[in-house]
Amino acid sequence: MERVLIVDGHSVIFTTPELRSIHGPGLQGEVARRELIRILTDYQDRNEVSVVLVFDGQGMNSKPEPRQEKDIMVIYSRQRQSADAVIERLAASYAERYDINVVSNDRAVLDSVSVSGAHAMSVRSMWEIV
């Protein structure tokens, strides 16, 4: 069964001192997001796992960059939709077909995805494997 790692992007950024320190308004937030994308792309390249990184995208006006075949999948939630809702929907839709681990420090999200059959993982646990 294919392994999938679904990551709550802002949960990781705001609980990781190195990423939080480079996150800020406007372009600084983009710098932290790109660094997390770089780290998770490297992890995906070295392991047999597909990575899906989900961010709150409310108010995002930028067009997503075209993806390359080996890139991780980056999803921004739609306006009036949270990243948490996207993560919960993905877990509920795909947990029967894939071995899914969801990374977040939001207890409600982790409880919800566990009910769907996905495995819950804290940000700290993710850094231990990445």
N, C-alpha and C. Protein backbone atom coordinates (compact mmCIF):
# COMPACT_ATOMS: atom_id res chain seq x y z
N MET A 1 0.85 -1.18 0.00
CA MET A 1 0.00 0.00 0.00
C MET A 1 0.90 1.24 0.00
N GLU A 2 0.59 2.17 -0.89
CA GLU A 2 1.39 3.39 -0.99
C GLU A 2 1.25 4.23 0.27
N ARG A 3 2.40 4.77 0.71
CA ARG A 3 2.42 5.63 1.89
C ARG A 3 2.27 7.09 1.48
N VAL A 4 1.45 7.81 2.25
CA VAL A 4 1.22 9.23 2.01
C VAL A 4 1.38 9.98 3.33
N LEU A 5 2.11 11.08 3.29
CA LEU A 5 2.29 11.95 4.45
C LEU A 5 1.57 13.25 4.15
N ILE A 6 0.51 13.54 4.91
CA ILE A 6 -0.23 14.79 4.75
C ILE A 6 0.19 15.71 5.89
N VAL A 7 0.68 16.89 5.55
CA VAL A 7 1.27 17.79 6.53
C VAL A 7 0.48 19.10 6.62
N ASP A 8 0.13 19.47 7.84
CA ASP A 8 -0.51 20.76 8.13
C ASP A 8 0.61 21.80 8.16
N GLY A 9 0.79 22.51 7.05
CA GLY A 9 1.94 23.39 6.86
C GLY A 9 2.13 24.44 7.92
N HIS A 10 1.07 25.18 8.23
CA HIS A 10 1.24 26.25 9.22
C HIS A 10 1.42 25.70 10.62
N SER A 11 0.86 24.55 10.92
CA SER A 11 1.09 23.92 12.22
C SER A 11 2.59 23.62 12.37
N VAL A 12 3.20 23.13 11.30
CA VAL A 12 4.64 22.83 11.34
C VAL A 12 5.45 24.12 11.46
N ILE A 13 5.14 25.12 10.64
CA ILE A 13 5.91 26.36 10.65
C ILE A 13 5.85 27.03 12.02
N PHE A 14 4.66 27.12 12.60
CA PHE A 14 4.53 27.89 13.84
C PHE A 14 4.98 27.13 15.08
N THR A 15 5.27 25.83 14.95
CA THR A 15 5.79 25.08 16.10
C THR A 15 7.25 24.66 15.90
N THR A 16 7.86 25.12 14.84
CA THR A 16 9.26 24.82 14.57
C THR A 16 10.04 26.13 14.65
N PRO A 17 10.86 26.30 15.69
CA PRO A 17 11.54 27.60 15.90
C PRO A 17 12.27 28.14 14.68
N GLU A 18 12.98 27.28 13.94
CA GLU A 18 13.75 27.75 12.77
C GLU A 18 12.83 28.31 11.69
N LEU A 19 11.70 27.66 11.47
CA LEU A 19 10.76 28.14 10.44
C LEU A 19 9.97 29.34 10.95
N ARG A 20 9.57 29.31 12.21
CA ARG A 20 8.81 30.43 12.78
C ARG A 20 9.65 31.70 12.74
N SER A 21 10.97 31.58 12.95
CA SER A 21 11.83 32.76 12.98
C SER A 21 11.94 33.44 11.61
N ILE A 22 11.74 32.71 10.53
CA ILE A 22 11.82 33.33 9.20
C ILE A 22 10.44 33.63 8.63
N HIS A 23 9.38 33.29 9.37
CA HIS A 23 8.02 33.56 8.91
C HIS A 23 7.63 34.97 9.34
N GLY A 24 6.95 35.64 8.49
CA GLY A 24 6.47 36.98 8.80
C GLY A 24 5.43 37.36 7.78
N PRO A 25 4.99 38.60 7.80
CA PRO A 25 3.98 39.02 6.84
C PRO A 25 4.53 39.07 5.42
N GLY A 26 3.65 38.90 4.48
CA GLY A 26 4.03 39.03 3.07
C GLY A 26 5.06 38.02 2.62
N LEU A 27 6.15 38.51 2.06
CA LEU A 27 7.17 37.63 1.48
C LEU A 27 7.88 36.77 2.51
N GLN A 28 7.99 37.22 3.77
CA GLN A 28 8.63 36.40 4.79
C GLN A 28 7.86 35.11 5.01
N GLY A 29 6.53 35.17 4.96
CA GLY A 29 5.73 33.95 5.08
C GLY A 29 6.03 33.00 3.94
N GLU A 30 6.24 33.56 2.77
CA GLU A 30 6.56 32.74 1.60
C GLU A 30 7.92 32.07 1.76
N VAL A 31 8.87 32.75 2.38
CA VAL A 31 10.20 32.18 2.60
C VAL A 31 10.09 30.94 3.49
N ALA A 32 9.33 31.03 4.56
CA ALA A 32 9.16 29.88 5.46
C ALA A 32 8.44 28.74 4.75
N ARG A 33 7.41 29.06 3.97
CA ARG A 33 6.69 28.02 3.23
C ARG A 33 7.62 27.32 2.23
N ARG A 34 8.42 28.10 1.51
CA ARG A 34 9.33 27.50 0.52
C ARG A 34 10.40 26.63 1.19
N GLU A 35 10.87 27.03 2.35
CA GLU A 35 11.85 26.21 3.08
C GLU A 35 11.22 24.89 3.51
N LEU A 36 9.98 24.92 3.99
CA LEU A 36 9.30 23.68 4.37
C LEU A 36 9.08 22.80 3.14
N ILE A 37 8.71 23.40 2.03
CA ILE A 37 8.54 22.64 0.79
C ILE A 37 9.86 21.99 0.39
N ARG A 38 10.96 22.71 0.50
CA ARG A 38 12.28 22.16 0.16
C ARG A 38 12.61 20.96 1.04
N ILE A 39 12.39 21.10 2.35
CA ILE A 39 12.70 20.02 3.30
C ILE A 39 11.86 18.78 3.00
N LEU A 40 10.56 18.99 2.77
CA LEU A 40 9.67 17.84 2.55
C LEU A 40 9.89 17.21 1.17
N THR A 41 10.30 18.01 0.19
CA THR A 41 10.63 17.45 -1.13
C THR A 41 11.85 16.55 -1.00
N ASP A 42 12.84 17.00 -0.24
CA ASP A 42 14.03 16.18 -0.01
C ASP A 42 13.65 14.88 0.70
N TYR A 43 12.78 14.97 1.68
CA TYR A 43 12.32 13.76 2.40
C TYR A 43 11.61 12.80 1.43
N GLN A 44 10.72 13.34 0.59
CA GLN A 44 10.01 12.49 -0.37
C GLN A 44 10.99 11.83 -1.35
N ASP A 45 12.00 12.58 -1.78
CA ASP A 45 12.98 12.06 -2.73
C ASP A 45 13.79 10.90 -2.15
N ARG A 46 14.00 10.91 -0.83
CA ARG A 46 14.81 9.87 -0.19
C ARG A 46 14.00 8.69 0.34
N ASN A 47 12.68 8.76 0.29
CA ASN A 47 11.84 7.73 0.88
C ASN A 47 10.72 7.34 -0.07
N GLU A 48 10.14 6.22 0.16
CA GLU A 48 9.01 5.78 -0.65
C GLU A 48 7.72 6.29 -0.02
N VAL A 49 7.51 7.58 -0.16
CA VAL A 49 6.33 8.22 0.40
C VAL A 49 5.97 9.41 -0.48
N SER A 50 4.67 9.65 -0.62
CA SER A 50 4.19 10.84 -1.32
C SER A 50 3.80 11.86 -0.27
N VAL A 51 4.26 13.09 -0.44
CA VAL A 51 3.98 14.14 0.54
C VAL A 51 2.95 15.11 -0.02
N VAL A 52 1.95 15.41 0.82
CA VAL A 52 0.94 16.42 0.51
C VAL A 52 1.04 17.46 1.61
N LEU A 53 1.33 18.70 1.25
CA LEU A 53 1.50 19.79 2.19
C LEU A 53 0.31 20.74 2.03
N VAL A 54 -0.41 20.98 3.13
CA VAL A 54 -1.64 21.78 3.06
C VAL A 54 -1.47 23.06 3.88
N PHE A 55 -1.79 24.19 3.25
CA PHE A 55 -1.73 25.50 3.91
C PHE A 55 -3.10 26.15 3.88
N ASP A 56 -3.36 26.98 4.89
CA ASP A 56 -4.52 27.85 4.81
C ASP A 56 -4.24 28.82 3.69
N GLY A 57 -5.15 28.91 2.73
CA GLY A 57 -4.92 29.77 1.58
C GLY A 57 -5.89 30.92 1.52
N GLN A 58 -6.61 31.14 2.59
CA GLN A 58 -7.61 32.19 2.61
C GLN A 58 -6.95 33.52 2.29
N GLY A 59 -7.45 34.16 1.27
CA GLY A 59 -6.91 35.46 0.88
C GLY A 59 -5.73 35.36 -0.07
N MET A 60 -5.30 34.16 -0.43
CA MET A 60 -4.17 34.01 -1.35
C MET A 60 -4.62 34.43 -2.75
N ASN A 61 -3.88 35.31 -3.36
CA ASN A 61 -4.21 35.74 -4.71
C ASN A 61 -3.21 35.23 -5.74
N SER A 62 -2.14 34.61 -5.29
CA SER A 62 -1.13 34.16 -6.24
C SER A 62 -1.55 32.86 -6.91
N LYS A 63 -1.15 32.72 -8.15
CA LYS A 63 -1.42 31.49 -8.88
C LYS A 63 -0.41 30.45 -8.45
N PRO A 64 -0.84 29.19 -8.26
CA PRO A 64 0.14 28.17 -7.91
C PRO A 64 1.13 27.95 -9.05
N GLU A 65 2.35 27.65 -8.68
CA GLU A 65 3.36 27.37 -9.69
C GLU A 65 3.09 25.99 -10.29
N PRO A 66 3.42 25.78 -11.56
CA PRO A 66 3.22 24.46 -12.14
C PRO A 66 4.06 23.42 -11.40
N ARG A 67 3.50 22.25 -11.20
CA ARG A 67 4.20 21.19 -10.48
C ARG A 67 5.00 20.34 -11.46
N GLN A 68 6.14 19.89 -11.00
CA GLN A 68 6.92 18.91 -11.72
C GLN A 68 6.51 17.53 -11.20
N GLU A 69 6.76 16.51 -11.94
CA GLU A 69 6.32 15.16 -11.58
C GLU A 69 6.83 14.72 -10.21
N LYS A 70 8.06 15.10 -9.85
CA LYS A 70 8.64 14.65 -8.59
C LYS A 70 8.40 15.60 -7.43
N ASP A 71 7.75 16.72 -7.66
CA ASP A 71 7.47 17.68 -6.59
C ASP A 71 6.46 17.10 -5.61
N ILE A 72 6.52 17.60 -4.40
CA ILE A 72 5.45 17.26 -3.47
C ILE A 72 4.20 18.01 -3.90
N MET A 73 3.05 17.55 -3.45
CA MET A 73 1.81 18.24 -3.77
C MET A 73 1.57 19.30 -2.69
N VAL A 74 1.37 20.54 -3.11
CA VAL A 74 1.09 21.64 -2.19
C VAL A 74 -0.32 22.13 -2.47
N ILE A 75 -1.14 22.14 -1.42
CA ILE A 75 -2.54 22.55 -1.56
C ILE A 75 -2.79 23.76 -0.66
N TYR A 76 -3.42 24.78 -1.20
CA TYR A 76 -3.88 25.92 -0.42
C TYR A 76 -5.39 25.83 -0.34
N SER A 77 -5.93 25.93 0.88
CA SER A 77 -7.38 25.86 1.03
C SER A 77 -8.02 27.05 0.33
N ARG A 78 -9.27 26.86 -0.05
CA ARG A 78 -10.02 27.93 -0.70
C ARG A 78 -10.48 28.96 0.33
N GLN A 79 -10.95 30.07 -0.16
CA GLN A 79 -11.48 31.11 0.72
C GLN A 79 -12.64 30.52 1.53
N ARG A 80 -12.72 30.87 2.78
CA ARG A 80 -13.74 30.38 3.73
C ARG A 80 -13.64 28.87 3.97
N GLN A 81 -12.46 28.32 3.75
CA GLN A 81 -12.20 26.91 4.02
C GLN A 81 -10.86 26.83 4.73
N SER A 82 -10.76 26.02 5.76
CA SER A 82 -9.50 25.91 6.49
C SER A 82 -8.66 24.76 5.94
N ALA A 83 -7.37 24.85 6.20
CA ALA A 83 -6.48 23.74 5.86
C ALA A 83 -6.91 22.49 6.63
N ASP A 84 -7.38 22.67 7.86
CA ASP A 84 -7.85 21.54 8.66
C ASP A 84 -8.96 20.79 7.94
N ALA A 85 -9.90 21.52 7.35
CA ALA A 85 -11.01 20.88 6.63
C ALA A 85 -10.50 20.10 5.42
N VAL A 86 -9.52 20.65 4.73
CA VAL A 86 -8.94 19.96 3.57
C VAL A 86 -8.25 18.67 4.02
N ILE A 87 -7.48 18.76 5.08
CA ILE A 87 -6.76 17.59 5.60
C ILE A 87 -7.75 16.51 6.03
N GLU A 88 -8.78 16.90 6.75
CA GLU A 88 -9.78 15.92 7.21
C GLU A 88 -10.49 15.26 6.03
N ARG A 89 -10.80 16.04 5.01
CA ARG A 89 -11.46 15.50 3.82
C ARG A 89 -10.55 14.52 3.07
N LEU A 90 -9.27 14.87 2.92
CA LEU A 90 -8.32 13.98 2.26
C LEU A 90 -8.19 12.66 3.01
N ALA A 91 -8.07 12.74 4.32
CA ALA A 91 -7.93 11.52 5.12
C ALA A 91 -9.17 10.65 5.00
N ALA A 92 -10.34 11.27 5.07
CA ALA A 92 -11.59 10.50 4.98
C ALA A 92 -11.75 9.87 3.60
N SER A 93 -11.32 10.56 2.58
CA SER A 93 -11.49 10.06 1.21
C SER A 93 -10.50 8.97 0.82
N TYR A 94 -9.28 9.00 1.37
CA TYR A 94 -8.23 8.14 0.86
C TYR A 94 -7.63 7.14 1.86
N ALA A 95 -8.06 7.16 3.10
CA ALA A 95 -7.45 6.29 4.12
C ALA A 95 -7.63 4.80 3.83
N GLU A 96 -8.67 4.45 3.11
CA GLU A 96 -8.87 3.03 2.79
C GLU A 96 -7.93 2.55 1.69
N ARG A 97 -7.49 3.45 0.81
CA ARG A 97 -6.63 3.07 -0.31
C ARG A 97 -5.15 3.29 -0.08
N TYR A 98 -4.81 4.17 0.87
CA TYR A 98 -3.41 4.52 1.11
C TYR A 98 -3.10 4.43 2.60
N ASP A 99 -1.83 4.22 2.91
CA ASP A 99 -1.35 4.26 4.29
C ASP A 99 -1.02 5.72 4.58
N ILE A 100 -1.95 6.41 5.24
CA ILE A 100 -1.83 7.86 5.43
C ILE A 100 -1.40 8.20 6.84
N ASN A 101 -0.39 9.05 6.94
CA ASN A 101 0.02 9.68 8.19
C ASN A 101 -0.29 11.16 8.07
N VAL A 102 -0.95 11.72 9.07
CA VAL A 102 -1.28 13.14 9.07
C VAL A 102 -0.46 13.82 10.16
N VAL A 103 0.24 14.89 9.79
CA VAL A 103 1.08 15.64 10.72
C VAL A 103 0.39 16.95 11.07
N SER A 104 0.17 17.14 12.36
CA SER A 104 -0.41 18.39 12.86
C SER A 104 -0.21 18.42 14.37
N ASN A 105 -0.28 19.59 14.95
CA ASN A 105 -0.32 19.69 16.41
C ASN A 105 -1.71 20.08 16.87
N ASP A 106 -2.67 20.05 15.96
CA ASP A 106 -4.06 20.34 16.28
C ASP A 106 -4.74 19.03 16.69
N ARG A 107 -5.02 18.89 17.96
CA ARG A 107 -5.58 17.65 18.51
C ARG A 107 -6.90 17.28 17.83
N ALA A 108 -7.74 18.27 17.53
CA ALA A 108 -9.03 17.98 16.90
C ALA A 108 -8.83 17.38 15.51
N VAL A 109 -7.89 17.90 14.76
CA VAL A 109 -7.59 17.36 13.43
C VAL A 109 -7.08 15.93 13.55
N LEU A 110 -6.15 15.71 14.46
CA LEU A 110 -5.58 14.37 14.62
C LEU A 110 -6.63 13.36 15.07
N ASP A 111 -7.53 13.77 15.95
CA ASP A 111 -8.62 12.88 16.37
C ASP A 111 -9.53 12.55 15.20
N SER A 112 -9.85 13.57 14.40
CA SER A 112 -10.75 13.39 13.26
C SER A 112 -10.15 12.44 12.22
N VAL A 113 -8.88 12.62 11.89
CA VAL A 113 -8.28 11.76 10.86
C VAL A 113 -8.10 10.34 11.36
N SER A 114 -7.90 10.18 12.66
CA SER A 114 -7.78 8.84 13.24
C SER A 114 -9.08 8.07 13.07
N VAL A 115 -10.20 8.74 13.25
CA VAL A 115 -11.50 8.11 13.06
C VAL A 115 -11.66 7.65 11.61
N SER A 116 -11.05 8.38 10.68
CA SER A 116 -11.12 8.04 9.26
C SER A 116 -10.21 6.88 8.88
N GLY A 117 -9.33 6.48 9.77
CA GLY A 117 -8.42 5.38 9.47
C GLY A 117 -7.00 5.81 9.16
N ALA A 118 -6.73 7.11 9.21
CA ALA A 118 -5.37 7.61 9.00
C ALA A 118 -4.62 7.56 10.33
N HIS A 119 -3.31 7.65 10.27
CA HIS A 119 -2.48 7.66 11.47
C HIS A 119 -2.16 9.10 11.83
N ALA A 120 -2.30 9.43 13.10
CA ALA A 120 -2.02 10.79 13.59
C ALA A 120 -0.55 10.89 14.00
N MET A 121 0.07 12.02 13.67
CA MET A 121 1.48 12.21 14.00
C MET A 121 1.70 13.66 14.42
N SER A 122 2.39 13.87 15.52
CA SER A 122 2.71 15.23 15.94
C SER A 122 3.83 15.80 15.08
N VAL A 123 3.97 17.12 15.13
CA VAL A 123 5.05 17.78 14.39
C VAL A 123 6.40 17.26 14.89
N ARG A 124 6.53 17.10 16.19
CA ARG A 124 7.78 16.59 16.77
C ARG A 124 8.12 15.21 16.18
N SER A 125 7.12 14.33 16.09
CA SER A 125 7.35 13.00 15.52
C SER A 125 7.76 13.09 14.06
N MET A 126 7.17 14.04 13.32
CA MET A 126 7.56 14.20 11.92
C MET A 126 9.02 14.56 11.81
N TRP A 127 9.48 15.51 12.64
CA TRP A 127 10.89 15.92 12.56
C TRP A 127 11.82 14.78 12.91
N GLU A 128 11.38 13.83 13.73
CA GLU A 128 12.21 12.68 14.06
C GLU A 128 12.45 11.78 12.85
N ILE A 129 11.48 11.70 11.94
CA ILE A 129 11.66 10.85 10.76
C ILE A 129 12.21 11.62 9.56
N VAL A 130 11.97 12.93 9.52
CA VAL A 130 12.45 13.73 8.40
C VAL A 130 13.91 14.04 8.59
